[in-house]
Amino acid sequence: MEPMVAIPKEVLDIMKPESVKALATVDASGQPHAIVCGSIAPCPIDAGKVIVGEILMKKAAANLAATKKATMTITSGMTSYELVLK
């Protein structure tokens, strides 16, 4: 298992309520699924993790449980970052 890395400050700086946050997951057959996330925040006890509010994300939650694979894109203005979630 790869070690967690701290989320860079540049990413944390744009992780605000007004930024656009998209979560993409994949199911066991390889079918992708993407949603817009309203609530995400850095984990206060682990700098390598984010917390996602699990509201209306039944399919994404099932995909995460099944495959443990996801990416999150965070965009604010002309700045975007991708987090590969493991």
PDB file of N, CA and C in Angstrom:
ATOM      1  N   MET A   1       0.845  -1.185   0.000  1.00  0.00           N
ATOM      2  CA  MET A   1       0.000   0.000   0.000  1.00  0.00           C
ATOM      3  C   MET A   1       0.886   1.242   0.000  1.00  0.00           C
ATOM      4  N   GLU A   2       0.540   2.185  -0.861  1.00  0.00           N
ATOM      5  CA  GLU A   2       1.302   3.429  -0.951  1.00  0.00           C
ATOM      6  C   GLU A   2       0.991   4.321   0.248  1.00  0.00           C
ATOM      7  N   PRO A   3       1.993   5.042   0.755  1.00  0.00           N
ATOM      8  CA  PRO A   3       1.731   5.945   1.881  1.00  0.00           C
ATOM      9  C   PRO A   3       0.880   7.131   1.432  1.00  0.00           C
ATOM     10  N   MET A   4       0.076   7.649   2.351  1.00  0.00           N
ATOM     11  CA  MET A   4      -0.709   8.846   2.075  1.00  0.00           C
ATOM     12  C   MET A   4       0.233  10.041   2.023  1.00  0.00           C
ATOM     13  N   VAL A   5      -0.093  10.995   1.179  1.00  0.00           N
ATOM     14  CA  VAL A   5       0.677  12.231   1.125  1.00  0.00           C
ATOM     15  C   VAL A   5      -0.237  13.372   1.526  1.00  0.00           C
ATOM     16  N   ALA A   6       0.346  14.386   2.125  1.00  0.00           N
ATOM     17  CA  ALA A   6      -0.439  15.549   2.527  1.00  0.00           C
ATOM     18  C   ALA A   6      -0.971  16.256   1.286  1.00  0.00           C
ATOM     19  N   ILE A   7      -2.183  16.752   1.378  1.00  0.00           N
ATOM     20  CA  ILE A   7      -2.770  17.511   0.274  1.00  0.00           C
ATOM     21  C   ILE A   7      -2.036  18.847   0.195  1.00  0.00           C
ATOM     22  N   PRO A   8      -1.513  19.194  -0.981  1.00  0.00           N
ATOM     23  CA  PRO A   8      -0.751  20.446  -1.108  1.00  0.00           C
ATOM     24  C   PRO A   8      -1.577  21.678  -0.729  1.00  0.00           C
ATOM     25  N   LYS A   9      -0.898  22.679  -0.188  1.00  0.00           N
ATOM     26  CA  LYS A   9      -1.547  23.918   0.236  1.00  0.00           C
ATOM     27  C   LYS A   9      -2.330  24.572  -0.899  1.00  0.00           C
ATOM     28  N   GLU A  10      -1.807  24.511  -2.122  1.00  0.00           N
ATOM     29  CA  GLU A  10      -2.494  25.122  -3.272  1.00  0.00           C
ATOM     30  C   GLU A  10      -3.879  24.506  -3.473  1.00  0.00           C
ATOM     31  N   VAL A  11      -3.994  23.210  -3.232  1.00  0.00           N
ATOM     32  CA  VAL A  11      -5.284  22.526  -3.370  1.00  0.00           C
ATOM     33  C   VAL A  11      -6.195  22.913  -2.211  1.00  0.00           C
ATOM     34  N   LEU A  12      -5.666  22.894  -1.002  1.00  0.00           N
ATOM     35  CA  LEU A  12      -6.462  23.278   0.168  1.00  0.00           C
ATOM     36  C   LEU A  12      -6.994  24.702   0.037  1.00  0.00           C
ATOM     37  N   ASP A  13      -6.196  25.584  -0.559  1.00  0.00           N
ATOM     38  CA  ASP A  13      -6.601  26.986  -0.717  1.00  0.00           C
ATOM     39  C   ASP A  13      -7.838  27.154  -1.591  1.00  0.00           C
ATOM     40  N   ILE A  14      -8.065  26.249  -2.549  1.00  0.00           N
ATOM     41  CA  ILE A  14      -9.256  26.397  -3.402  1.00  0.00           C
ATOM     42  C   ILE A  14     -10.389  25.455  -2.985  1.00  0.00           C
ATOM     43  N   MET A  15     -10.197  24.682  -1.925  1.00  0.00           N
ATOM     44  CA  MET A  15     -11.221  23.756  -1.437  1.00  0.00           C
ATOM     45  C   MET A  15     -12.212  24.528  -0.566  1.00  0.00           C
ATOM     46  N   LYS A  16     -12.993  25.380  -1.213  1.00  0.00           N
ATOM     47  CA  LYS A  16     -13.929  26.265  -0.526  1.00  0.00           C
ATOM     48  C   LYS A  16     -15.349  25.932  -0.974  1.00  0.00           C
ATOM     49  N   PRO A  17     -16.356  26.362  -0.218  1.00  0.00           N
ATOM     50  CA  PRO A  17     -17.743  26.054  -0.605  1.00  0.00           C
ATOM     51  C   PRO A  17     -18.109  26.511  -2.018  1.00  0.00           C
ATOM     52  N   GLU A  18     -17.543  27.621  -2.471  1.00  0.00           N
ATOM     53  CA  GLU A  18     -17.914  28.142  -3.794  1.00  0.00           C
ATOM     54  C   GLU A  18     -17.170  27.466  -4.947  1.00  0.00           C
ATOM     55  N   SER A  19     -16.166  26.655  -4.656  1.00  0.00           N
ATOM     56  CA  SER A  19     -15.449  25.962  -5.733  1.00  0.00           C
ATOM     57  C   SER A  19     -16.287  24.796  -6.253  1.00  0.00           C
ATOM     58  N   VAL A  20     -16.001  24.379  -7.479  1.00  0.00           N
ATOM     59  CA  VAL A  20     -16.693  23.239  -8.087  1.00  0.00           C
ATOM     60  C   VAL A  20     -15.878  21.989  -7.787  1.00  0.00           C
ATOM     61  N   LYS A  21     -16.560  20.976  -7.253  1.00  0.00           N
ATOM     62  CA  LYS A  21     -15.892  19.730  -6.891  1.00  0.00           C
ATOM     63  C   LYS A  21     -16.617  18.566  -7.547  1.00  0.00           C
ATOM     64  N   ALA A  22     -15.901  17.798  -8.361  1.00  0.00           N
ATOM     65  CA  ALA A  22     -16.488  16.644  -9.038  1.00  0.00           C
ATOM     66  C   ALA A  22     -15.789  15.382  -8.563  1.00  0.00           C
ATOM     67  N   LEU A  23     -16.585  14.342  -8.307  1.00  0.00           N
ATOM     68  CA  LEU A  23     -16.064  13.048  -7.879  1.00  0.00           C
ATOM     69  C   LEU A  23     -16.376  12.032  -8.965  1.00  0.00           C
ATOM     70  N   ALA A  24     -15.360  11.338  -9.437  1.00  0.00           N
ATOM     71  CA  ALA A  24     -15.551  10.289 -10.441  1.00  0.00           C
ATOM     72  C   ALA A  24     -15.151   8.953  -9.828  1.00  0.00           C
ATOM     73  N   THR A  25     -16.053   7.978  -9.947  1.00  0.00           N
ATOM     74  CA  THR A  25     -15.793   6.626  -9.464  1.00  0.00           C
ATOM     75  C   THR A  25     -15.992   5.662 -10.624  1.00  0.00           C
ATOM     76  N   VAL A  26     -15.706   4.404 -10.369  1.00  0.00           N
ATOM     77  CA  VAL A  26     -15.889   3.370 -11.384  1.00  0.00           C
ATOM     78  C   VAL A  26     -16.464   2.137 -10.690  1.00  0.00           C
ATOM     79  N   ASP A  27     -17.423   1.472 -11.357  1.00  0.00           N
ATOM     80  CA  ASP A  27     -17.984   0.270 -10.749  1.00  0.00           C
ATOM     81  C   ASP A  27     -17.134  -0.954 -11.094  1.00  0.00           C
ATOM     82  N   ALA A  28     -17.516  -2.108 -10.597  1.00  0.00           N
ATOM     83  CA  ALA A  28     -16.730  -3.333 -10.773  1.00  0.00           C
ATOM     84  C   ALA A  28     -16.571  -3.736 -12.239  1.00  0.00           C
ATOM     85  N   SER A  29     -17.505  -3.316 -13.094  1.00  0.00           N
ATOM     86  CA  SER A  29     -17.407  -3.656 -14.521  1.00  0.00           C
ATOM     87  C   SER A  29     -16.608  -2.624 -15.312  1.00  0.00           C
ATOM     88  N   GLY A  30     -16.161  -1.551 -14.646  1.00  0.00           N
ATOM     89  CA  GLY A  30     -15.378  -0.516 -15.320  1.00  0.00           C
ATOM     90  C   GLY A  30     -16.187   0.675 -15.796  1.00  0.00           C
ATOM     91  N   GLN A  31     -17.487   0.698 -15.513  1.00  0.00           N
ATOM     92  CA  GLN A  31     -18.353   1.808 -15.928  1.00  0.00           C
ATOM     93  C   GLN A  31     -18.092   3.028 -15.041  1.00  0.00           C
ATOM     94  N   PRO A  32     -17.669   4.160 -15.623  1.00  0.00           N
ATOM     95  CA  PRO A  32     -17.426   5.358 -14.812  1.00  0.00           C
ATOM     96  C   PRO A  32     -18.727   6.024 -14.369  1.00  0.00           C
ATOM     97  N   HIS A  33     -18.638   6.765 -13.286  1.00  0.00           N
ATOM     98  CA  HIS A  33     -19.777   7.496 -12.735  1.00  0.00           C
ATOM     99  C   HIS A  33     -19.227   8.787 -12.134  1.00  0.00           C
ATOM    100  N   ALA A  34     -19.739   9.935 -12.543  1.00  0.00           N
ATOM    101  CA  ALA A  34     -19.244  11.224 -12.045  1.00  0.00           C
ATOM    102  C   ALA A  34     -20.392  12.025 -11.446  1.00  0.00           C
ATOM    103  N   ILE A  35     -20.097  12.695 -10.335  1.00  0.00           N
ATOM    104  CA  ILE A  35     -21.088  13.546  -9.677  1.00  0.00           C
ATOM    105  C   ILE A  35     -20.415  14.842  -9.225  1.00  0.00           C
ATOM    106  N   VAL A  36     -21.220  15.857  -8.981  1.00  0.00           N
ATOM    107  CA  VAL A  36     -20.741  17.095  -8.369  1.00  0.00           C
ATOM    108  C   VAL A  36     -20.921  16.938  -6.864  1.00  0.00           C
ATOM    109  N   CYS A  37     -19.881  17.261  -6.106  1.00  0.00           N
ATOM    110  CA  CYS A  37     -19.928  17.173  -4.639  1.00  0.00           C
ATOM    111  C   CYS A  37     -20.141  18.561  -4.063  1.00  0.00           C
ATOM    112  N   GLY A  38     -21.087  18.678  -3.179  1.00  0.00           N
ATOM    113  CA  GLY A  38     -21.321  19.964  -2.545  1.00  0.00           C
ATOM    114  C   GLY A  38     -20.433  20.197  -1.342  1.00  0.00           C
ATOM    115  N   SER A  39     -20.192  19.140  -0.574  1.00  0.00           N
ATOM    116  CA  SER A  39     -19.451  19.290   0.677  1.00  0.00           C
ATOM    117  C   SER A  39     -18.224  18.394   0.706  1.00  0.00           C
ATOM    118  N   ILE A  40     -17.054  19.019   0.659  1.00  0.00           N
ATOM    119  CA  ILE A  40     -15.803  18.304   0.902  1.00  0.00           C
ATOM    120  C   ILE A  40     -14.935  19.187   1.778  1.00  0.00           C
ATOM    121  N   ALA A  41     -14.083  18.551   2.549  1.00  0.00           N
ATOM    122  CA  ALA A  41     -13.178  19.295   3.429  1.00  0.00           C
ATOM    123  C   ALA A  41     -11.959  18.438   3.706  1.00  0.00           C
ATOM    124  N   PRO A  42     -10.835  19.074   4.013  1.00  0.00           N
ATOM    125  CA  PRO A  42      -9.676  18.286   4.421  1.00  0.00           C
ATOM    126  C   PRO A  42      -9.967  17.597   5.752  1.00  0.00           C
ATOM    127  N   CYS A  43      -9.477  16.395   5.922  1.00  0.00           N
ATOM    128  CA  CYS A  43      -9.654  15.657   7.173  1.00  0.00           C
ATOM    129  C   CYS A  43      -8.786  16.303   8.256  1.00  0.00           C
ATOM    130  N   PRO A  44      -9.365  16.685   9.386  1.00  0.00           N
ATOM    131  CA  PRO A  44      -8.579  17.365  10.421  1.00  0.00           C
ATOM    132  C   PRO A  44      -7.571  16.467  11.139  1.00  0.00           C
ATOM    133  N   ILE A  45      -7.718  15.139  11.020  1.00  0.00           N
ATOM    134  CA  ILE A  45      -6.787  14.245  11.720  1.00  0.00           C
ATOM    135  C   ILE A  45      -5.841  13.496  10.791  1.00  0.00           C
ATOM    136  N   ASP A  46      -6.002  13.654   9.475  1.00  0.00           N
ATOM    137  CA  ASP A  46      -5.111  12.991   8.510  1.00  0.00           C
ATOM    138  C   ASP A  46      -4.957  13.889   7.293  1.00  0.00           C
ATOM    139  N   ALA A  47      -3.795  14.502   7.154  1.00  0.00           N
ATOM    140  CA  ALA A  47      -3.551  15.476   6.079  1.00  0.00           C
ATOM    141  C   ALA A  47      -3.582  14.858   4.688  1.00  0.00           C
ATOM    142  N   GLY A  48      -3.638  13.539   4.587  1.00  0.00           N
ATOM    143  CA  GLY A  48      -3.682  12.881   3.288  1.00  0.00           C
ATOM    144  C   GLY A  48      -5.074  12.454   2.880  1.00  0.00           C
ATOM    145  N   LYS A  49      -6.089  12.877   3.641  1.00  0.00           N
ATOM    146  CA  LYS A  49      -7.461  12.454   3.350  1.00  0.00           C
ATOM    147  C   LYS A  49      -8.395  13.653   3.238  1.00  0.00           C
ATOM    148  N   VAL A  50      -9.500  13.448   2.506  1.00  0.00           N
ATOM    149  CA  VAL A  50     -10.571  14.437   2.451  1.00  0.00           C
ATOM    150  C   VAL A  50     -11.843  13.793   2.988  1.00  0.00           C
ATOM    151  N   ILE A  51     -12.737  14.618   3.469  1.00  0.00           N
ATOM    152  CA  ILE A  51     -14.039  14.179   3.950  1.00  0.00           C
ATOM    153  C   ILE A  51     -15.066  14.633   2.921  1.00  0.00           C
ATOM    154  N   VAL A  52     -15.930  13.718   2.498  1.00  0.00           N
ATOM    155  CA  VAL A  52     -16.973  14.028   1.521  1.00  0.00           C
ATOM    156  C   VAL A  52     -18.320  13.809   2.191  1.00  0.00           C
ATOM    157  N   GLY A  53     -19.205  14.815   2.120  1.00  0.00           N
ATOM    158  CA  GLY A  53     -20.556  14.663   2.645  1.00  0.00           C
ATOM    159  C   GLY A  53     -21.334  13.684   1.775  1.00  0.00           C
ATOM    160  N   GLU A  54     -21.768  12.575   2.364  1.00  0.00           N
ATOM    161  CA  GLU A  54     -22.430  11.516   1.593  1.00  0.00           C
ATOM    162  C   GLU A  54     -23.937  11.758   1.533  1.00  0.00           C
ATOM    163  N   ILE A  55     -24.335  12.696   0.690  1.00  0.00           N
ATOM    164  CA  ILE A  55     -25.744  13.015   0.491  1.00  0.00           C
ATOM    165  C   ILE A  55     -26.041  12.830  -0.990  1.00  0.00           C
ATOM    166  N   LEU A  56     -27.033  12.031  -1.305  1.00  0.00           N
ATOM    167  CA  LEU A  56     -27.427  11.755  -2.690  1.00  0.00           C
ATOM    168  C   LEU A  56     -26.269  11.199  -3.522  1.00  0.00           C
ATOM    169  N   MET A  57     -25.470  10.329  -2.928  1.00  0.00           N
ATOM    170  CA  MET A  57     -24.380   9.722  -3.691  1.00  0.00           C
ATOM    171  C   MET A  57     -24.358   8.206  -3.495  1.00  0.00           C
ATOM    172  N   LYS A  58     -25.546   7.612  -3.618  1.00  0.00           N
ATOM    173  CA  LYS A  58     -25.703   6.176  -3.417  1.00  0.00           C
ATOM    174  C   LYS A  58     -24.817   5.365  -4.360  1.00  0.00           C
ATOM    175  N   LYS A  59     -24.834   5.683  -5.648  1.00  0.00           N
ATOM    176  CA  LYS A  59     -24.046   4.950  -6.646  1.00  0.00           C
ATOM    177  C   LYS A  59     -22.551   5.166  -6.414  1.00  0.00           C
ATOM    178  N   ALA A  60     -22.137   6.402  -6.176  1.00  0.00           N
ATOM    179  CA  ALA A  60     -20.721   6.688  -5.932  1.00  0.00           C
ATOM    180  C   ALA A  60     -20.230   5.962  -4.683  1.00  0.00           C
ATOM    181  N   ALA A  61     -21.030   5.950  -3.628  1.00  0.00           N
ATOM    182  CA  ALA A  61     -20.643   5.261  -2.391  1.00  0.00           C
ATOM    183  C   ALA A  61     -20.510   3.759  -2.630  1.00  0.00           C
ATOM    184  N   ALA A  62     -21.427   3.184  -3.401  1.00  0.00           N
ATOM    185  CA  ALA A  62     -21.349   1.754  -3.722  1.00  0.00           C
ATOM    186  C   ALA A  62     -20.100   1.459  -4.549  1.00  0.00           C
ATOM    187  N   ASN A  63     -19.800   2.331  -5.514  1.00  0.00           N
ATOM    188  CA  ASN A  63     -18.595   2.144  -6.326  1.00  0.00           C
ATOM    189  C   ASN A  63     -17.334   2.225  -5.470  1.00  0.00           C
ATOM    190  N   LEU A  64     -17.279   3.191  -4.573  1.00  0.00           N
ATOM    191  CA  LEU A  64     -16.115   3.326  -3.688  1.00  0.00           C
ATOM    192  C   LEU A  64     -15.937   2.084  -2.818  1.00  0.00           C
ATOM    193  N   ALA A  65     -17.040   1.561  -2.304  1.00  0.00           N
ATOM    194  CA  ALA A  65     -16.966   0.358  -1.472  1.00  0.00           C
ATOM    195  C   ALA A  65     -16.484  -0.844  -2.282  1.00  0.00           C
ATOM    196  N   ALA A  66     -16.912  -0.927  -3.542  1.00  0.00           N
ATOM    197  CA  ALA A  66     -16.579  -2.082  -4.381  1.00  0.00           C
ATOM    198  C   ALA A  66     -15.177  -2.028  -4.969  1.00  0.00           C
ATOM    199  N   THR A  67     -14.742  -0.845  -5.421  1.00  0.00           N
ATOM    200  CA  THR A  67     -13.477  -0.778  -6.172  1.00  0.00           C
ATOM    201  C   THR A  67     -12.375   0.013  -5.484  1.00  0.00           C
ATOM    202  N   LYS A  68     -12.743   0.878  -4.543  1.00  0.00           N
ATOM    203  CA  LYS A  68     -11.761   1.729  -3.849  1.00  0.00           C
ATOM    204  C   LYS A  68     -11.018   2.659  -4.805  1.00  0.00           C
ATOM    205  N   LYS A  69     -11.636   2.988  -5.956  1.00  0.00           N
ATOM    206  CA  LYS A  69     -10.992   3.861  -6.941  1.00  0.00           C
ATOM    207  C   LYS A  69     -11.850   5.095  -7.186  1.00  0.00           C
ATOM    208  N   ALA A  70     -11.190   6.264  -7.171  1.00  0.00           N
ATOM    209  CA  ALA A  70     -11.905   7.505  -7.447  1.00  0.00           C
ATOM    210  C   ALA A  70     -10.911   8.624  -7.712  1.00  0.00           C
ATOM    211  N   THR A  71     -11.386   9.639  -8.398  1.00  0.00           N
ATOM    212  CA  THR A  71     -10.640  10.880  -8.532  1.00  0.00           C
ATOM    213  C   THR A  71     -11.584  12.025  -8.199  1.00  0.00           C
ATOM    214  N   MET A  72     -11.012  13.115  -7.724  1.00  0.00           N
ATOM    215  CA  MET A  72     -11.794  14.308  -7.442  1.00  0.00           C
ATOM    216  C   MET A  72     -11.115  15.482  -8.120  1.00  0.00           C
ATOM    217  N   THR A  73     -11.901  16.263  -8.838  1.00  0.00           N
ATOM    218  CA  THR A  73     -11.399  17.482  -9.455  1.00  0.00           C
ATOM    219  C   THR A  73     -11.981  18.661  -8.695  1.00  0.00           C
ATOM    220  N   ILE A  74     -11.120  19.586  -8.327  1.00  0.00           N
ATOM    221  CA  ILE A  74     -11.536  20.795  -7.612  1.00  0.00           C
ATOM    222  C   ILE A  74     -11.152  21.977  -8.481  1.00  0.00           C
ATOM    223  N   THR A  75     -12.139  22.832  -8.784  1.00  0.00           N
ATOM    224  CA  THR A  75     -11.920  23.955  -9.688  1.00  0.00           C
ATOM    225  C   THR A  75     -12.415  25.249  -9.057  1.00  0.00           C
ATOM    226  N   SER A  76     -11.583  26.273  -9.156  1.00  0.00           N
ATOM    227  CA  SER A  76     -11.953  27.610  -8.718  1.00  0.00           C
ATOM    228  C   SER A  76     -11.414  28.581  -9.760  1.00  0.00           C
ATOM    229  N   GLY A  77     -12.319  29.242 -10.466  1.00  0.00           N
ATOM    230  CA  GLY A  77     -11.889  30.140 -11.538  1.00  0.00           C
ATOM    231  C   GLY A  77     -11.150  29.370 -12.613  1.00  0.00           C
ATOM    232  N   MET A  78      -9.941  29.787 -12.934  1.00  0.00           N
ATOM    233  CA  MET A  78      -9.134  29.129 -13.965  1.00  0.00           C
ATOM    234  C   MET A  78      -8.153  28.110 -13.377  1.00  0.00           C
ATOM    235  N   THR A  79      -8.287  27.804 -12.095  1.00  0.00           N
ATOM    236  CA  THR A  79      -7.378  26.874 -11.431  1.00  0.00           C
ATOM    237  C   THR A  79      -8.096  25.570 -11.119  1.00  0.00           C
ATOM    238  N   SER A  80      -7.495  24.445 -11.502  1.00  0.00           N
ATOM    239  CA  SER A  80      -8.059  23.122 -11.222  1.00  0.00           C
ATOM    240  C   SER A  80      -6.974  22.179 -10.740  1.00  0.00           C
ATOM    241  N   TYR A  81      -7.370  21.288  -9.854  1.00  0.00           N
ATOM    242  CA  TYR A  81      -6.482  20.234  -9.373  1.00  0.00           C
ATOM    243  C   TYR A  81      -7.252  18.927  -9.361  1.00  0.00           C
ATOM    244  N   GLU A  82      -6.527  17.831  -9.569  1.00  0.00           N
ATOM    245  CA  GLU A  82      -7.115  16.501  -9.471  1.00  0.00           C
ATOM    246  C   GLU A  82      -6.462  15.770  -8.303  1.00  0.00           C
ATOM    247  N   LEU A  83      -7.301  15.167  -7.469  1.00  0.00           N
ATOM    248  CA  LEU A  83      -6.821  14.303  -6.398  1.00  0.00           C
ATOM    249  C   LEU A  83      -7.151  12.871  -6.792  1.00  0.00           C
ATOM    250  N   VAL A  84      -6.171  11.996  -6.789  1.00  0.00           N
ATOM    251  CA  VAL A  84      -6.423  10.579  -7.037  1.00  0.00           C
ATOM    252  C   VAL A  84      -6.629   9.950  -5.672  1.00  0.00           C
ATOM    253  N   LEU A  85      -7.836   9.453  -5.450  1.00  0.00           N
ATOM    254  CA  LEU A  85      -8.204   8.925  -4.140  1.00  0.00           C
ATOM    255  C   LEU A  85      -7.965   7.426  -4.102  1.00  0.00           C
ATOM    256  N   LYS A  86      -7.307   6.975  -3.063  1.00  0.00           N
ATOM    257  CA  LYS A  86      -7.012   5.544  -2.909  1.00  0.00           C
ATOM    258  C   LYS A  86      -7.431   5.074  -1.540  1.00  0.00           C
TER     259      LYS A  86
END
